[in-house]
Amino acid sequence: MKTKKYLAKIAQNWSTSEDQFLIENCELSIDQLAQALQRSTDEIQDRRQCLGLIRRMRAVTRLTMP
């Protein structure tokens, strides 16, 4: 688990438009997002965690499963 301090440092390197792209396209695979944003898969995964998108996707998945 990454620390809050580490995740806060990551946030400094991301633009608002990149965050918006991640939020709007969160259903894409990490590889697709990395290619579109020209970032590493680790950077994509860390930023998704920082934005709370991983938790959000899990919650949506639980709600949509029968």
PDB file of N, CA and C in Angstrom:
ATOM      1  N   MET A   1       0.836  -1.187   0.000  1.00  0.00           N
ATOM      2  CA  MET A   1       0.000   0.000   0.000  1.00  0.00           C
ATOM      3  C   MET A   1       0.881   1.251   0.000  1.00  0.00           C
ATOM      4  N   LYS A   2       0.569   2.161  -0.858  1.00  0.00           N
ATOM      5  CA  LYS A   2       1.351   3.384  -0.980  1.00  0.00           C
ATOM      6  C   LYS A   2       0.897   4.382   0.099  1.00  0.00           C
ATOM      7  N   THR A   3       1.834   5.172   0.577  1.00  0.00           N
ATOM      8  CA  THR A   3       1.512   6.140   1.617  1.00  0.00           C
ATOM      9  C   THR A   3       0.829   7.367   1.021  1.00  0.00           C
ATOM     10  N   LYS A   4       0.119   8.104   1.872  1.00  0.00           N
ATOM     11  CA  LYS A   4      -0.553   9.322   1.419  1.00  0.00           C
ATOM     12  C   LYS A   4       0.460  10.353   0.927  1.00  0.00           C
ATOM     13  N   LYS A   5       1.625  10.385   1.575  1.00  0.00           N
ATOM     14  CA  LYS A   5       2.667  11.330   1.175  1.00  0.00           C
ATOM     15  C   LYS A   5       3.148  11.024  -0.247  1.00  0.00           C
ATOM     16  N   TYR A   6       3.333   9.741  -0.546  1.00  0.00           N
ATOM     17  CA  TYR A   6       3.754   9.318  -1.873  1.00  0.00           C
ATOM     18  C   TYR A   6       2.693   9.671  -2.915  1.00  0.00           C
ATOM     19  N   LEU A   7       1.431   9.388  -2.593  1.00  0.00           N
ATOM     20  CA  LEU A   7       0.343   9.674  -3.529  1.00  0.00           C
ATOM     21  C   LEU A   7       0.173  11.172  -3.742  1.00  0.00           C
ATOM     22  N   ALA A   8       0.404  11.973  -2.698  1.00  0.00           N
ATOM     23  CA  ALA A   8       0.321  13.430  -2.849  1.00  0.00           C
ATOM     24  C   ALA A   8       1.411  13.939  -3.780  1.00  0.00           C
ATOM     25  N   LYS A   9       2.582  13.340  -3.717  1.00  0.00           N
ATOM     26  CA  LYS A   9       3.684  13.730  -4.603  1.00  0.00           C
ATOM     27  C   LYS A   9       3.331  13.422  -6.054  1.00  0.00           C
ATOM     28  N   ILE A  10       2.685  12.290  -6.271  1.00  0.00           N
ATOM     29  CA  ILE A  10       2.269  11.908  -7.622  1.00  0.00           C
ATOM     30  C   ILE A  10       1.312  12.945  -8.208  1.00  0.00           C
ATOM     31  N   ALA A  11       0.419  13.456  -7.369  1.00  0.00           N
ATOM     32  CA  ALA A  11      -0.603  14.396  -7.826  1.00  0.00           C
ATOM     33  C   ALA A  11      -0.006  15.657  -8.426  1.00  0.00           C
ATOM     34  N   GLN A  12       1.165  16.032  -7.991  1.00  0.00           N
ATOM     35  CA  GLN A  12       1.802  17.246  -8.495  1.00  0.00           C
ATOM     36  C   GLN A  12       2.197  17.133  -9.963  1.00  0.00           C
ATOM     37  N   ASN A  13       2.356  15.930 -10.448  1.00  0.00           N
ATOM     38  CA  ASN A  13       2.839  15.726 -11.813  1.00  0.00           C
ATOM     39  C   ASN A  13       1.725  15.514 -12.832  1.00  0.00           C
ATOM     40  N   TRP A  14       0.489  15.633 -12.410  1.00  0.00           N
ATOM     41  CA  TRP A  14      -0.644  15.376 -13.299  1.00  0.00           C
ATOM     42  C   TRP A  14      -1.421  16.658 -13.550  1.00  0.00           C
ATOM     43  N   SER A  15      -1.817  16.872 -14.797  1.00  0.00           N
ATOM     44  CA  SER A  15      -2.619  18.046 -15.130  1.00  0.00           C
ATOM     45  C   SER A  15      -4.093  17.737 -14.903  1.00  0.00           C
ATOM     46  N   THR A  16      -4.884  18.771 -14.845  1.00  0.00           N
ATOM     47  CA  THR A  16      -6.325  18.619 -14.671  1.00  0.00           C
ATOM     48  C   THR A  16      -6.936  17.876 -15.852  1.00  0.00           C
ATOM     49  N   SER A  17      -6.433  18.142 -17.046  1.00  0.00           N
ATOM     50  CA  SER A  17      -6.983  17.475 -18.230  1.00  0.00           C
ATOM     51  C   SER A  17      -6.657  15.979 -18.219  1.00  0.00           C
ATOM     52  N   GLU A  18      -5.487  15.599 -17.700  1.00  0.00           N
ATOM     53  CA  GLU A  18      -5.154  14.179 -17.592  1.00  0.00           C
ATOM     54  C   GLU A  18      -6.056  13.486 -16.571  1.00  0.00           C
ATOM     55  N   ASP A  19      -6.287  14.156 -15.439  1.00  0.00           N
ATOM     56  CA  ASP A  19      -7.203  13.602 -14.435  1.00  0.00           C
ATOM     57  C   ASP A  19      -8.606  13.432 -15.019  1.00  0.00           C
ATOM     58  N   GLN A  20      -9.053  14.426 -15.747  1.00  0.00           N
ATOM     59  CA  GLN A  20     -10.378  14.375 -16.363  1.00  0.00           C
ATOM     60  C   GLN A  20     -10.467  13.207 -17.342  1.00  0.00           C
ATOM     61  N   PHE A  21      -9.428  12.998 -18.121  1.00  0.00           N
ATOM     62  CA  PHE A  21      -9.403  11.888 -19.066  1.00  0.00           C
ATOM     63  C   PHE A  21      -9.507  10.561 -18.327  1.00  0.00           C
ATOM     64  N   LEU A  22      -8.753  10.412 -17.229  1.00  0.00           N
ATOM     65  CA  LEU A  22      -8.819   9.177 -16.441  1.00  0.00           C
ATOM     66  C   LEU A  22     -10.217   8.937 -15.888  1.00  0.00           C
ATOM     67  N   ILE A  23     -10.833   9.975 -15.378  1.00  0.00           N
ATOM     68  CA  ILE A  23     -12.172   9.852 -14.790  1.00  0.00           C
ATOM     69  C   ILE A  23     -13.194   9.481 -15.854  1.00  0.00           C
ATOM     70  N   GLU A  24     -13.141  10.145 -16.988  1.00  0.00           N
ATOM     71  CA  GLU A  24     -14.120   9.912 -18.048  1.00  0.00           C
ATOM     72  C   GLU A  24     -13.913   8.584 -18.768  1.00  0.00           C
ATOM     73  N   ASN A  25     -12.700   8.042 -18.712  1.00  0.00           N
ATOM     74  CA  ASN A  25     -12.389   6.810 -19.435  1.00  0.00           C
ATOM     75  C   ASN A  25     -11.929   5.705 -18.493  1.00  0.00           C
ATOM     76  N   CYS A  26     -12.456   5.675 -17.292  1.00  0.00           N
ATOM     77  CA  CYS A  26     -11.986   4.724 -16.286  1.00  0.00           C
ATOM     78  C   CYS A  26     -12.280   3.268 -16.661  1.00  0.00           C
ATOM     79  N   GLU A  27     -13.163   3.052 -17.622  1.00  0.00           N
ATOM     80  CA  GLU A  27     -13.466   1.679 -18.030  1.00  0.00           C
ATOM     81  C   GLU A  27     -12.406   1.092 -18.967  1.00  0.00           C
ATOM     82  N   LEU A  28     -11.524   1.928 -19.499  1.00  0.00           N
ATOM     83  CA  LEU A  28     -10.447   1.442 -20.362  1.00  0.00           C
ATOM     84  C   LEU A  28      -9.420   0.681 -19.541  1.00  0.00           C
ATOM     85  N   SER A  29      -8.692  -0.193 -20.189  1.00  0.00           N
ATOM     86  CA  SER A  29      -7.637  -0.940 -19.494  1.00  0.00           C
ATOM     87  C   SER A  29      -6.484   0.001 -19.140  1.00  0.00           C
ATOM     88  N   ILE A  30      -5.679  -0.424 -18.206  1.00  0.00           N
ATOM     89  CA  ILE A  30      -4.527   0.381 -17.798  1.00  0.00           C
ATOM     90  C   ILE A  30      -3.571   0.566 -18.972  1.00  0.00           C
ATOM     91  N   ASP A  31      -3.402  -0.474 -19.772  1.00  0.00           N
ATOM     92  CA  ASP A  31      -2.519  -0.363 -20.945  1.00  0.00           C
ATOM     93  C   ASP A  31      -3.036   0.679 -21.934  1.00  0.00           C
ATOM     94  N   GLN A  32      -4.344   0.705 -22.165  1.00  0.00           N
ATOM     95  CA  GLN A  32      -4.927   1.684 -23.082  1.00  0.00           C
ATOM     96  C   GLN A  32      -4.762   3.102 -22.529  1.00  0.00           C
ATOM     97  N   LEU A  33      -4.994   3.260 -21.228  1.00  0.00           N
ATOM     98  CA  LEU A  33      -4.833   4.577 -20.614  1.00  0.00           C
ATOM     99  C   LEU A  33      -3.383   5.033 -20.670  1.00  0.00           C
ATOM    100  N   ALA A  34      -2.456   4.111 -20.402  1.00  0.00           N
ATOM    101  CA  ALA A  34      -1.031   4.446 -20.437  1.00  0.00           C
ATOM    102  C   ALA A  34      -0.615   4.898 -21.830  1.00  0.00           C
ATOM    103  N   GLN A  35      -1.121   4.222 -22.835  1.00  0.00           N
ATOM    104  CA  GLN A  35      -0.783   4.591 -24.206  1.00  0.00           C
ATOM    105  C   GLN A  35      -1.378   5.954 -24.562  1.00  0.00           C
ATOM    106  N   ALA A  36      -2.625   6.174 -24.193  1.00  0.00           N
ATOM    107  CA  ALA A  36      -3.290   7.435 -24.538  1.00  0.00           C
ATOM    108  C   ALA A  36      -2.649   8.637 -23.833  1.00  0.00           C
ATOM    109  N   LEU A  37      -2.221   8.433 -22.585  1.00  0.00           N
ATOM    110  CA  LEU A  37      -1.652   9.536 -21.806  1.00  0.00           C
ATOM    111  C   LEU A  37      -0.128   9.567 -21.847  1.00  0.00           C
ATOM    112  N   GLN A  38       0.467   8.587 -22.521  1.00  0.00           N
ATOM    113  CA  GLN A  38       1.916   8.470 -22.614  1.00  0.00           C
ATOM    114  C   GLN A  38       2.560   8.479 -21.228  1.00  0.00           C
ATOM    115  N   ARG A  39       2.043   7.578 -20.395  1.00  0.00           N
ATOM    116  CA  ARG A  39       2.536   7.385 -19.035  1.00  0.00           C
ATOM    117  C   ARG A  39       2.741   5.905 -18.807  1.00  0.00           C
ATOM    118  N   SER A  40       3.487   5.558 -17.768  1.00  0.00           N
ATOM    119  CA  SER A  40       3.700   4.144 -17.462  1.00  0.00           C
ATOM    120  C   SER A  40       2.447   3.563 -16.808  1.00  0.00           C
ATOM    121  N   THR A  41       2.344   2.250 -16.860  1.00  0.00           N
ATOM    122  CA  THR A  41       1.188   1.600 -16.239  1.00  0.00           C
ATOM    123  C   THR A  41       1.203   1.806 -14.727  1.00  0.00           C
ATOM    124  N   ASP A  42       2.379   1.861 -14.124  1.00  0.00           N
ATOM    125  CA  ASP A  42       2.466   2.130 -12.685  1.00  0.00           C
ATOM    126  C   ASP A  42       1.939   3.523 -12.345  1.00  0.00           C
ATOM    127  N   GLU A  43       2.269   4.501 -13.177  1.00  0.00           N
ATOM    128  CA  GLU A  43       1.780   5.859 -12.954  1.00  0.00           C
ATOM    129  C   GLU A  43       0.261   5.917 -13.068  1.00  0.00           C
ATOM    130  N   ILE A  44      -0.283   5.216 -14.054  1.00  0.00           N
ATOM    131  CA  ILE A  44      -1.737   5.182 -14.239  1.00  0.00           C
ATOM    132  C   ILE A  44      -2.405   4.540 -13.024  1.00  0.00           C
ATOM    133  N   GLN A  45      -1.879   3.402 -12.590  1.00  0.00           N
ATOM    134  CA  GLN A  45      -2.451   2.691 -11.450  1.00  0.00           C
ATOM    135  C   GLN A  45      -2.400   3.553 -10.180  1.00  0.00           C
ATOM    136  N   ASP A  46      -1.281   4.205  -9.946  1.00  0.00           N
ATOM    137  CA  ASP A  46      -1.134   5.054  -8.762  1.00  0.00           C
ATOM    138  C   ASP A  46      -2.100   6.232  -8.798  1.00  0.00           C
ATOM    139  N   ARG A  47      -2.239   6.838  -9.971  1.00  0.00           N
ATOM    140  CA  ARG A  47      -3.136   8.001 -10.064  1.00  0.00           C
ATOM    141  C   ARG A  47      -4.590   7.582  -9.922  1.00  0.00           C
ATOM    142  N   ARG A  48      -4.948   6.449 -10.485  1.00  0.00           N
ATOM    143  CA  ARG A  48      -6.319   5.942 -10.313  1.00  0.00           C
ATOM    144  C   ARG A  48      -6.616   5.705  -8.842  1.00  0.00           C
ATOM    145  N   GLN A  49      -5.643   5.183  -8.116  1.00  0.00           N
ATOM    146  CA  GLN A  49      -5.820   4.968  -6.686  1.00  0.00           C
ATOM    147  C   GLN A  49      -5.976   6.308  -5.966  1.00  0.00           C
ATOM    148  N   CYS A  50      -5.144   7.260  -6.321  1.00  0.00           N
ATOM    149  CA  CYS A  50      -5.179   8.576  -5.690  1.00  0.00           C
ATOM    150  C   CYS A  50      -6.524   9.274  -5.916  1.00  0.00           C
ATOM    151  N   LEU A  51      -7.089   9.111  -7.089  1.00  0.00           N
ATOM    152  CA  LEU A  51      -8.382   9.729  -7.419  1.00  0.00           C
ATOM    153  C   LEU A  51      -9.573   8.942  -6.879  1.00  0.00           C
ATOM    154  N   GLY A  52      -9.320   7.765  -6.344  1.00  0.00           N
ATOM    155  CA  GLY A  52     -10.406   6.947  -5.808  1.00  0.00           C
ATOM    156  C   GLY A  52     -11.157   6.169  -6.867  1.00  0.00           C
ATOM    157  N   LEU A  53     -10.587   6.055  -8.049  1.00  0.00           N
ATOM    158  CA  LEU A  53     -11.291   5.383  -9.147  1.00  0.00           C
ATOM    159  C   LEU A  53     -11.336   3.875  -8.967  1.00  0.00           C
ATOM    160  N   ILE A  54     -10.341   3.310  -8.326  1.00  0.00           N
ATOM    161  CA  ILE A  54     -10.321   1.859  -8.118  1.00  0.00           C
ATOM    162  C   ILE A  54     -11.445   1.471  -7.177  1.00  0.00           C
ATOM    163  N   ARG A  55     -11.580   2.197  -6.079  1.00  0.00           N
ATOM    164  CA  ARG A  55     -12.645   1.935  -5.118  1.00  0.00           C
ATOM    165  C   ARG A  55     -14.011   2.133  -5.775  1.00  0.00           C
ATOM    166  N   ARG A  56     -14.127   3.167  -6.583  1.00  0.00           N
ATOM    167  CA  ARG A  56     -15.395   3.472  -7.255  1.00  0.00           C
ATOM    168  C   ARG A  56     -15.785   2.355  -8.226  1.00  0.00           C
ATOM    169  N   MET A  57     -14.795   1.865  -8.988  1.00  0.00           N
ATOM    170  CA  MET A  57     -15.085   0.807  -9.955  1.00  0.00           C
ATOM    171  C   MET A  57     -15.514  -0.483  -9.251  1.00  0.00           C
ATOM    172  N   ARG A  58     -14.896  -0.785  -8.103  1.00  0.00           N
ATOM    173  CA  ARG A  58     -15.295  -1.971  -7.332  1.00  0.00           C
ATOM    174  C   ARG A  58     -16.727  -1.845  -6.848  1.00  0.00           C
ATOM    175  N   ALA A  59     -17.098  -0.663  -6.372  1.00  0.00           N
ATOM    176  CA  ALA A  59     -18.446  -0.434  -5.874  1.00  0.00           C
ATOM    177  C   ALA A  59     -19.476  -0.575  -6.989  1.00  0.00           C
ATOM    178  N   VAL A  60     -19.168  -0.035  -8.143  1.00  0.00           N
ATOM    179  CA  VAL A  60     -20.081  -0.140  -9.294  1.00  0.00           C
ATOM    180  C   VAL A  60     -20.225  -1.577  -9.718  1.00  0.00           C
ATOM    181  N   THR A  61     -19.125  -2.310  -9.730  1.00  0.00           N
ATOM    182  CA  THR A  61     -19.165  -3.710 -10.116  1.00  0.00           C
ATOM    183  C   THR A  61     -20.043  -4.512  -9.169  1.00  0.00           C
ATOM    184  N   ARG A  62     -19.928  -4.247  -7.872  1.00  0.00           N
ATOM    185  CA  ARG A  62     -20.759  -4.951  -6.894  1.00  0.00           C
ATOM    186  C   ARG A  62     -22.242  -4.643  -7.090  1.00  0.00           C
ATOM    187  N   LEU A  63     -22.552  -3.417  -7.441  1.00  0.00           N
ATOM    188  CA  LEU A  63     -23.947  -3.013  -7.622  1.00  0.00           C
ATOM    189  C   LEU A  63     -24.566  -3.615  -8.880  1.00  0.00           C
ATOM    190  N   THR A  64     -23.755  -3.836  -9.902  1.00  0.00           N
ATOM    191  CA  THR A  64     -24.282  -4.309 -11.173  1.00  0.00           C
ATOM    192  C   THR A  64     -24.308  -5.838 -11.269  1.00  0.00           C
ATOM    193  N   MET A  65     -23.636  -6.518 -10.337  1.00  0.00           N
ATOM    194  CA  MET A  65     -23.628  -7.973 -10.368  1.00  0.00           C
ATOM    195  C   MET A  65     -24.920  -8.516  -9.750  1.00  0.00           C
ATOM    196  N   PRO A  66     -25.503  -9.548 -10.385  1.00  0.00           N
ATOM    197  CA  PRO A  66     -26.749 -10.102  -9.835  1.00  0.00           C
ATOM    198  C   PRO A  66     -26.515 -10.871  -8.552  1.00  0.00           C
TER     199      PRO A  66
END
